[in-house]
Amino acid sequence: MLQRLIATVALLMATTAHAIEEPRHQVLQTDGAFELRQYEPTLVAHVEVDGDASAARSAGFRLLAGYIFGGNQGQRKIEMTAPVTQAAAPAGEKIAMTAPVTQSAASGGRWRVSFMMPRSFTLDTLPVPNDARVRFELLAPEKRAVVRFDGFSTESNLGRHRALLEAWVQKQGLKPVGDYVSAFYNDPFTLPWNRRNEWWVPVE
């Protein structure tokens, strides 16, 4: 079932890549792979899942993909957007997770996985999810420092580029005001050198 769902998403993204909606933003500064961006308000759907980063990302993706492919009241289909984002879940916000998690809590954590909702929707017009774990949030406008990179989303690749972004933020004299967020723009079958991954962090 999960493989069929991923294949459907991959086909959708591959055949409509030119039309996939992304969060609106303005690039304020570019420095090689680094950018400073100003983002507009963004409506997102998110779930919180436990486990190591990779397992949590897969579980969160499955839940959110189920919602946009008709797992909602009215069985409405919602267009796929990019990217899928992942960050540590805010402390104190617990949502029961019933799907199996293969990693122990000691080697993992709690993660928030998010899909941006198309701009044609508002909090009032989004269909109600069948799964109560799917929640919605309107993100306020914010300035983000960003690093863009390719390759698979391995722990080493992600860790290396997060460290590069942290160093760049410090070098630029920027002050982080939120959590680091990883963002993934491609379907699971995209070759590593064609992938677009990013780290974001909101800054003052």
Protein backbone atom coordinates (compact mmCIF):
# COMPACT_ATOMS: atom_id res chain seq x y z
CA MET A 1 0.00 0.00 0.00
CA LEU A 2 2.75 2.47 0.95
CA GLN A 3 4.72 1.61 -2.21
CA ARG A 4 1.66 2.28 -4.38
CA LEU A 5 1.07 5.60 -2.63
CA ILE A 6 4.71 6.66 -3.10
CA ALA A 7 4.58 5.61 -6.76
CA THR A 8 1.44 7.70 -7.26
CA VAL A 9 3.09 10.73 -5.68
CA ALA A 10 6.24 10.19 -7.76
CA LEU A 11 4.20 10.03 -10.98
CA LEU A 12 2.25 13.14 -10.03
CA MET A 13 5.40 15.10 -9.24
CA ALA A 14 7.23 13.86 -12.34
CA THR A 15 4.42 14.72 -14.75
CA THR A 16 3.56 18.11 -13.21
CA ALA A 17 6.93 19.24 -11.90
CA HIS A 18 6.72 22.52 -13.78
CA ALA A 19 3.42 23.34 -12.08
CA ILE A 20 4.10 22.25 -8.50
CA GLU A 21 3.41 25.11 -6.13
CA GLU A 22 6.07 26.24 -3.66
CA PRO A 23 5.91 28.74 -0.78
CA ARG A 24 6.10 32.31 -2.04
CA HIS A 25 9.26 34.12 -1.10
CA GLN A 26 11.69 36.82 -2.18
CA VAL A 27 15.43 36.18 -2.33
CA LEU A 28 17.19 38.96 -0.41
CA GLN A 29 20.77 37.68 -0.68
CA THR A 30 22.62 34.92 -2.55
CA ASP A 31 26.03 33.55 -1.62
CA GLY A 32 26.79 30.38 -3.59
CA ALA A 33 24.57 27.63 -2.15
CA PHE A 34 23.29 29.98 0.58
CA GLU A 35 20.36 32.38 0.41
CA LEU A 36 18.54 34.78 2.67
CA ARG A 37 14.81 34.70 1.83
CA GLN A 38 11.70 36.56 2.95
CA TYR A 39 8.70 34.19 3.04
CA GLU A 40 5.04 35.14 2.80
CA PRO A 41 2.44 33.58 5.13
CA THR A 42 2.10 29.85 4.37
CA LEU A 43 -0.72 27.46 5.21
CA VAL A 44 0.56 23.98 6.07
CA ALA A 45 -0.81 20.60 7.11
CA HIS A 46 1.36 18.71 9.56
CA VAL A 47 1.56 15.56 11.63
CA GLU A 48 3.80 14.64 14.54
CA VAL A 49 5.47 11.23 14.59
CA ASP A 50 8.04 9.41 16.70
CA GLY A 51 11.17 7.56 15.61
CA ASP A 52 14.48 8.27 13.95
CA ALA A 53 14.46 11.06 11.36
CA SER A 54 14.14 8.84 8.30
CA ALA A 55 11.38 6.61 9.69
CA ALA A 56 9.46 9.63 10.98
CA ARG A 57 9.70 11.35 7.60
CA SER A 58 8.28 8.28 5.83
CA ALA A 59 5.47 7.88 8.36
CA GLY A 60 4.58 11.56 8.23
CA PHE A 61 4.66 11.58 4.44
CA ARG A 62 2.28 8.62 4.33
CA LEU A 63 -0.24 10.28 6.64
CA LEU A 64 -0.19 13.61 4.81
CA ALA A 65 -0.29 12.02 1.35
CA GLY A 66 -3.32 10.05 2.49
CA TYR A 67 -5.04 13.31 3.41
CA ILE A 68 -4.37 15.12 0.11
CA PHE A 69 -5.31 12.06 -1.98
CA GLY A 70 -8.83 11.98 -0.57
CA GLY A 71 -8.54 10.97 3.08
CA ASN A 72 -10.87 13.76 4.12
CA GLN A 73 -14.56 14.58 4.42
CA GLY A 74 -15.82 14.87 0.88
CA GLN A 75 -12.90 12.80 -0.45
CA ARG A 76 -11.46 15.89 -2.12
CA LYS A 77 -8.12 15.66 -3.92
CA ILE A 78 -5.62 18.41 -3.08
CA GLU A 79 -2.78 19.26 -5.45
CA MET A 80 0.72 18.16 -4.47
CA THR A 81 3.06 20.97 -3.45
CA ALA A 82 6.76 21.17 -2.59
CA PRO A 83 8.67 20.85 -0.39
CA VAL A 84 7.96 18.29 2.31
CA THR A 85 9.52 19.67 5.50
CA GLN A 86 10.68 18.09 8.74
CA ALA A 87 11.67 19.62 12.06
CA ALA A 88 11.79 18.66 15.71
CA ALA A 89 8.28 18.81 17.13
CA PRO A 90 7.60 21.62 19.60
CA ALA A 91 7.95 20.48 23.21
CA GLY A 92 4.74 19.72 25.01
CA GLU A 93 2.62 19.02 21.93
CA LYS A 94 1.88 15.29 21.99
CA ILE A 95 -0.34 13.48 19.50
CA ALA A 96 -0.91 9.75 19.88
CA MET A 97 0.78 7.71 17.15
CA THR A 98 -0.74 4.33 16.31
CA ALA A 99 1.36 3.34 13.29
CA PRO A 100 4.33 1.12 14.18
CA VAL A 101 7.69 2.81 14.74
CA THR A 102 10.73 0.64 14.16
CA GLN A 103 13.27 2.71 16.12
CA SER A 104 13.41 3.13 19.88
CA ALA A 105 12.79 6.51 21.47
CA ALA A 106 16.40 6.53 22.65
CA SER A 107 17.67 6.64 19.06
CA GLY A 108 14.96 8.91 17.73
CA GLY A 109 12.74 11.73 18.79
CA ARG A 110 9.49 13.44 17.94
CA TRP A 111 9.21 15.11 14.56
CA ARG A 112 6.80 17.43 12.77
CA VAL A 113 6.41 16.64 9.06
CA SER A 114 4.58 19.22 6.94
CA PHE A 115 3.05 19.76 3.49
CA MET A 116 2.29 23.24 2.24
CA MET A 117 -1.36 23.64 1.25
CA PRO A 118 -2.18 25.28 -2.10
CA ARG A 119 -2.81 29.02 -1.89
CA SER A 120 -6.37 28.47 -3.13
CA PHE A 121 -7.25 27.18 0.38
CA THR A 122 -7.68 28.90 3.73
CA LEU A 123 -8.02 27.44 7.22
CA ASP A 124 -11.79 27.69 6.75
CA THR A 125 -11.97 26.02 3.34
CA LEU A 126 -9.58 23.06 3.78
CA PRO A 127 -11.48 19.75 3.91
CA VAL A 128 -11.63 18.13 7.34
CA PRO A 129 -9.16 15.23 7.59
CA ASN A 130 -10.39 11.74 8.35
CA ASP A 131 -7.31 11.24 10.54
CA ALA A 132 -7.29 13.57 13.55
CA ARG A 133 -3.48 13.50 13.61
CA VAL A 134 -3.47 15.81 10.58
CA ARG A 135 -3.42 19.40 11.87
CA PHE A 136 -3.23 22.79 10.15
CA GLU A 137 -1.28 25.96 10.84
CA LEU A 138 -0.88 29.33 9.16
CA LEU A 139 2.81 30.22 9.34
CA ALA A 140 3.57 33.90 9.79
CA PRO A 141 5.84 35.76 7.37
CA GLU A 142 9.47 35.25 8.24
CA LYS A 143 13.03 35.70 7.03
CA ARG A 144 14.95 32.43 6.57
CA ALA A 145 18.58 31.57 5.98
CA VAL A 146 18.81 28.66 3.55
CA VAL A 147 21.39 26.25 2.13
CA ARG A 148 20.59 24.21 -0.97
CA PHE A 149 22.23 20.85 -1.74
CA ASP A 150 21.75 17.63 -3.68
CA GLY A 151 22.16 13.95 -2.78
CA PHE A 152 20.10 11.55 -0.73
CA SER A 153 18.69 12.57 2.65
CA THR A 154 21.18 10.52 4.64
CA GLU A 155 22.15 11.44 8.16
CA SER A 156 25.67 12.37 7.05
CA ASN A 157 24.53 14.51 4.11
CA LEU A 158 21.95 16.34 6.20
CA GLY A 159 24.33 16.77 9.12
CA ARG A 160 27.12 18.19 6.97
CA HIS A 161 24.90 20.78 5.30
CA ARG A 162 23.21 21.81 8.51
CA ALA A 163 26.68 22.51 9.95
CA LEU A 164 27.51 24.56 6.83
CA LEU A 165 24.33 26.62 7.27
CA GLU A 166 25.03 27.16 10.97
CA ALA A 167 28.52 28.43 10.10
CA TRP A 168 27.17 30.73 7.37
CA VAL A 169 24.51 32.17 9.67
CA GLN A 170 27.18 32.93 12.25
CA LYS A 171 29.50 34.44 9.62
CA GLN A 172 26.72 36.73 8.38
CA GLY A 173 25.98 37.91 11.91
CA LEU A 174 22.41 36.57 11.75
CA LYS A 175 20.48 35.49 14.84
CA PRO A 176 18.36 32.31 14.57
CA VAL A 177 14.88 32.73 16.07
CA GLY A 178 13.50 29.23 15.53
CA ASP A 179 14.31 25.62 14.74
CA TYR A 180 16.27 24.29 11.79
CA VAL A 181 13.95 22.71 9.22
CA SER A 182 14.91 20.24 6.48
CA ALA A 183 13.07 20.53 3.17
CA PHE A 184 12.79 17.92 0.37
CA TYR A 185 11.51 18.79 -3.11
CA ASN A 186 11.71 15.56 -5.12
CA ASP A 187 9.94 12.26 -5.53
CA PRO A 188 11.66 9.14 -4.13
CA PHE A 189 12.98 8.06 -7.54
CA THR A 190 14.92 11.21 -8.48
CA LEU A 191 18.62 10.55 -9.01
CA PRO A 192 20.80 11.95 -6.20
CA TRP A 193 22.58 14.56 -8.33
CA ASN A 194 19.22 15.93 -9.52
CA ARG A 195 17.73 16.23 -6.05
CA ARG A 196 16.96 19.51 -4.36
CA ASN A 197 17.25 19.49 -0.59
CA GLU A 198 17.45 22.47 1.74
CA TRP A 199 17.96 23.45 5.34
CA TRP A 200 16.05 26.50 6.59
CA VAL A 201 16.29 28.49 9.79
CA PRO A 202 14.26 31.62 10.64
CA VAL A 203 16.43 34.62 11.52
CA GLU A 204 15.89 38.13 12.80
